Amino acid sequence: MSRFDKGIKTGALTLLLVLLTVGCQANLGEQAQEVIGEQEIPSSQEEKILPVEDDAILSGMNLLKNTALDLDEDGQNEQLELYISADLDESGSPILDDGQEWMVVLRDGNQTYPLYDRGYVQLGTVDYTAFYDYETQSYHILIACQQTASIDIYDCIYLPKEEAFARQPVYSQGNINMLG
C-alpha cells in the first residue's frame, strides 16, 4: 500500500470521526435559518455555487479520483472529480511535494461546478464523499481539507430547482496537530 493510499485511508477515518463529532454537537435550531428548496441552510455562512462552462479552470491539474452519480435524476450520470496539481506516477498516485493545488468539481455535460475551488494545500490532502439524505430528500457532497495544523469540512447541497449548490462550512478547526 502506497504512502498516499495510507494517507487517504487516514483522512477518510478522520473525516468520519469529525462528522460523527459534529453531528453529535450540532444544534442548528439556535441559528437563524433560511429555507432553500427543502433544505435548511444557515444564511450567514451559505455560498451558492453556479456552474461555469470554462474547462480552463482545470488547466495544469491531474484527475486523481472520480465518482459517477445522478444528482439531478435525469438518467445521465454527472462526474464528481478530485484534481491535484502534482504529477502522477505510473500507478496513478500523486507525487506529493510540501504542498499542491487541489480542486473538487462536479461535471454535468458542458457545465462544471467548482465545489472546492482551486486552492493550495500545505502538507495535507483534500477528499470528498457523497450521499443522499432521505430525511431532507437532498444530495450532499462533503469535502474535507486536512492539513497538519487545520481541518475544514464543507457540505455542498444540491439545489435542483436552482441547478446550483449551496456550500457551507460544517467544521473548521485550526491551531491543531494532526496525529494520524
Protein backbone atom coordinates (compact mmCIF):
# COMPACT_ATOMS: atom_id res chain seq x y z
CA MET A 1 0.00 0.00 0.00
CA SER A 2 1.47 3.35 -1.03
CA ARG A 3 2.01 6.29 1.33
CA PHE A 4 -0.78 8.14 -0.50
CA ASP A 5 -3.25 5.25 -0.08
CA LYS A 6 -2.48 5.15 3.66
CA GLY A 7 -3.00 8.92 3.80
CA ILE A 8 -6.37 8.66 2.06
CA LYS A 9 -7.48 5.93 4.49
CA THR A 10 -6.32 8.03 7.46
CA GLY A 11 -8.08 11.07 6.00
CA ALA A 12 -11.30 9.13 5.48
CA LEU A 13 -11.24 7.88 9.07
CA THR A 14 -10.55 11.40 10.34
CA LEU A 15 -13.43 12.71 8.22
CA LEU A 16 -15.76 10.07 9.63
CA LEU A 17 -14.77 10.86 13.23
CA VAL A 18 -15.17 14.61 12.69
CA LEU A 19 -18.58 14.11 11.08
CA LEU A 20 -19.74 11.96 13.97
CA THR A 21 -18.49 14.58 16.43
CA VAL A 22 -20.07 17.45 14.52
CA GLY A 23 -23.34 15.56 14.18
CA CYS A 24 -23.46 14.93 17.89
CA GLN A 25 -22.62 18.55 18.75
CA ALA A 26 -24.67 20.31 16.08
CA ASN A 27 -27.56 22.40 17.29
CA LEU A 28 -28.71 24.37 14.28
CA GLY A 29 -32.06 25.18 15.90
CA GLU A 30 -30.49 28.18 17.66
CA GLN A 31 -29.14 29.68 14.43
CA ALA A 32 -31.13 31.83 12.06
CA GLN A 33 -32.26 29.56 9.24
CA GLU A 34 -33.20 30.23 5.65
CA VAL A 35 -35.16 27.61 3.71
CA ILE A 36 -33.77 26.87 0.25
CA GLY A 37 -35.94 24.33 -1.51
CA GLU A 38 -36.46 21.57 1.04
CA GLN A 39 -33.12 22.09 2.79
CA GLU A 40 -32.46 24.50 5.66
CA ILE A 41 -29.21 26.42 5.36
CA PRO A 42 -27.69 28.83 7.89
CA SER A 43 -27.97 32.04 5.86
CA SER A 44 -24.87 33.66 7.36
CA GLN A 45 -22.43 31.05 6.00
CA GLU A 46 -24.04 29.73 2.83
CA GLU A 47 -22.37 30.27 -0.51
CA LYS A 48 -24.19 29.50 -3.76
CA ILE A 49 -22.15 27.70 -6.43
CA LEU A 50 -23.28 28.13 -10.01
CA PRO A 51 -21.88 26.20 -12.99
CA VAL A 52 -19.20 27.55 -15.28
CA GLU A 53 -18.66 26.47 -18.87
CA ASP A 54 -14.90 27.05 -18.97
CA ASP A 55 -12.67 24.00 -18.57
CA ALA A 56 -9.66 26.34 -18.31
CA ILE A 57 -10.17 26.26 -14.53
CA LEU A 58 -8.69 22.72 -14.67
CA SER A 59 -5.59 23.75 -16.61
CA GLY A 60 -2.47 22.12 -15.16
CA MET A 61 -4.48 19.80 -12.92
CA ASN A 62 -4.48 15.99 -12.95
CA LEU A 63 -7.54 13.84 -12.27
CA LEU A 64 -6.98 11.87 -9.06
CA LYS A 65 -10.43 10.44 -8.27
CA ASN A 66 -13.88 10.42 -9.84
CA THR A 67 -17.33 9.16 -8.94
CA ALA A 68 -20.34 8.83 -11.24
CA LEU A 69 -23.69 9.85 -9.73
CA ASP A 70 -27.02 11.17 -10.98
CA LEU A 71 -27.76 14.17 -8.74
CA ASP A 72 -30.37 15.76 -10.99
CA GLU A 73 -32.06 12.38 -11.61
CA ASP A 74 -32.18 12.89 -15.38
CA GLY A 75 -30.89 9.38 -16.15
CA GLN A 76 -27.43 10.72 -17.10
CA ASN A 77 -24.56 10.44 -14.63
CA GLU A 78 -22.69 13.52 -13.53
CA GLN A 79 -19.00 13.16 -12.67
CA LEU A 80 -17.69 14.19 -9.25
CA GLU A 81 -13.96 14.71 -9.69
CA LEU A 82 -10.94 15.43 -7.49
CA TYR A 83 -7.98 17.16 -9.15
CA ILE A 84 -4.43 17.83 -7.98
CA SER A 85 -1.60 19.89 -9.48
CA ALA A 86 1.00 17.24 -8.59
CA ASP A 87 2.25 14.84 -11.23
CA LEU A 88 1.03 11.24 -11.05
CA ASP A 89 3.28 8.17 -11.01
CA GLU A 90 2.76 5.07 -13.17
CA SER A 91 0.13 3.67 -10.78
CA GLY A 92 -1.86 6.93 -10.70
CA SER A 93 -0.76 8.03 -7.22
CA PRO A 94 0.30 11.66 -6.87
CA ILE A 95 3.95 12.59 -6.39
CA LEU A 96 3.42 14.90 -3.45
CA ASP A 97 5.56 17.88 -2.55
CA ASP A 98 5.21 20.03 0.58
CA GLY A 99 2.04 21.42 -0.94
CA GLN A 100 -0.01 21.45 -4.12
CA GLU A 101 -3.23 22.84 -5.50
CA TRP A 102 -6.42 20.79 -5.17
CA MET A 103 -9.85 21.16 -6.71
CA VAL A 104 -13.18 19.31 -6.48
CA VAL A 105 -15.68 19.77 -9.31
CA LEU A 106 -18.94 18.24 -10.43
CA ARG A 107 -19.32 17.96 -14.21
CA ASP A 108 -22.77 17.87 -15.78
CA GLY A 109 -22.41 17.86 -19.56
CA ASN A 110 -20.56 21.04 -20.52
CA GLN A 111 -21.15 22.65 -17.12
CA THR A 112 -18.65 22.46 -14.28
CA TYR A 113 -19.50 23.27 -10.66
CA PRO A 114 -16.32 24.26 -8.73
CA LEU A 115 -17.28 22.81 -5.33
CA TYR A 116 -13.79 23.27 -3.85
CA ASP A 117 -12.16 25.98 -5.90
CA ARG A 118 -8.53 25.61 -6.85
CA GLY A 119 -6.57 26.16 -3.66
CA TYR A 120 -3.09 25.50 -2.33
CA VAL A 121 -2.95 22.95 0.49
CA GLN A 122 0.24 22.83 2.54
CA LEU A 123 1.19 19.39 3.89
CA GLY A 124 -2.28 17.94 3.52
CA THR A 125 -4.99 16.47 1.35
CA VAL A 126 -8.48 17.15 0.04
CA ASP A 127 -11.10 14.43 -0.34
CA TYR A 128 -14.85 14.11 -0.77
CA THR A 129 -17.73 11.77 -0.05
CA ALA A 130 -21.25 11.97 -1.47
CA PHE A 131 -24.55 10.79 -0.03
CA TYR A 132 -28.32 11.13 -0.28
CA ASP A 133 -30.19 12.29 2.85
CA TYR A 134 -33.57 10.55 2.93
CA GLU A 135 -34.83 12.80 5.72
CA THR A 136 -34.36 16.06 3.77
CA GLN A 137 -34.50 14.36 0.35
CA SER A 138 -31.32 16.07 -0.78
CA TYR A 139 -27.92 15.15 -2.19
CA HIS A 140 -24.83 16.18 -0.24
CA ILE A 141 -21.15 16.25 -1.10
CA LEU A 142 -18.86 16.60 1.89
CA ILE A 143 -15.41 17.99 1.16
CA ALA A 144 -12.61 17.75 3.71
CA CYS A 145 -9.39 19.76 3.53
CA GLN A 146 -6.95 18.32 6.04
CA GLN A 147 -3.57 19.93 6.74
CA THR A 148 -1.06 19.32 9.52
CA ALA A 149 -2.40 22.25 11.58
CA SER A 150 -6.03 22.55 10.46
CA ILE A 151 -9.09 20.80 9.12
CA ASP A 152 -12.04 22.28 7.22
CA ILE A 153 -15.15 20.39 6.14
CA TYR A 154 -17.77 21.77 3.76
CA ASP A 155 -21.23 20.45 2.92
CA CYS A 156 -22.29 21.09 -0.68
CA ILE A 157 -26.03 20.56 -1.03
CA TYR A 158 -27.56 20.20 -4.48
CA LEU A 159 -30.47 22.59 -5.12
CA PRO A 160 -32.39 21.01 -8.03
CA LYS A 161 -34.80 23.92 -8.59
CA GLU A 162 -31.90 26.35 -8.97
CA GLU A 163 -29.49 23.92 -10.67
CA ALA A 164 -26.89 25.09 -8.17
CA PHE A 165 -25.18 24.01 -4.97
CA ALA A 166 -25.26 25.65 -1.56
CA ARG A 167 -21.90 25.27 0.17
CA GLN A 168 -21.50 25.85 3.87
CA PRO A 169 -18.72 25.10 6.33
CA VAL A 170 -19.75 22.43 8.83
CA TYR A 171 -16.49 22.15 10.75
CA SER A 172 -13.35 24.26 10.91
CA GLN A 173 -10.51 23.93 13.39
CA GLY A 174 -7.09 25.50 13.26
CA ASN A 175 -4.09 25.56 15.57
CA ILE A 176 -4.14 21.78 15.93
CA ASN A 177 -1.64 19.00 15.43
CA MET A 178 -2.98 16.19 13.22
CA LEU A 179 -1.77 12.92 14.69
CA GLY A 180 -2.79 10.38 12.12
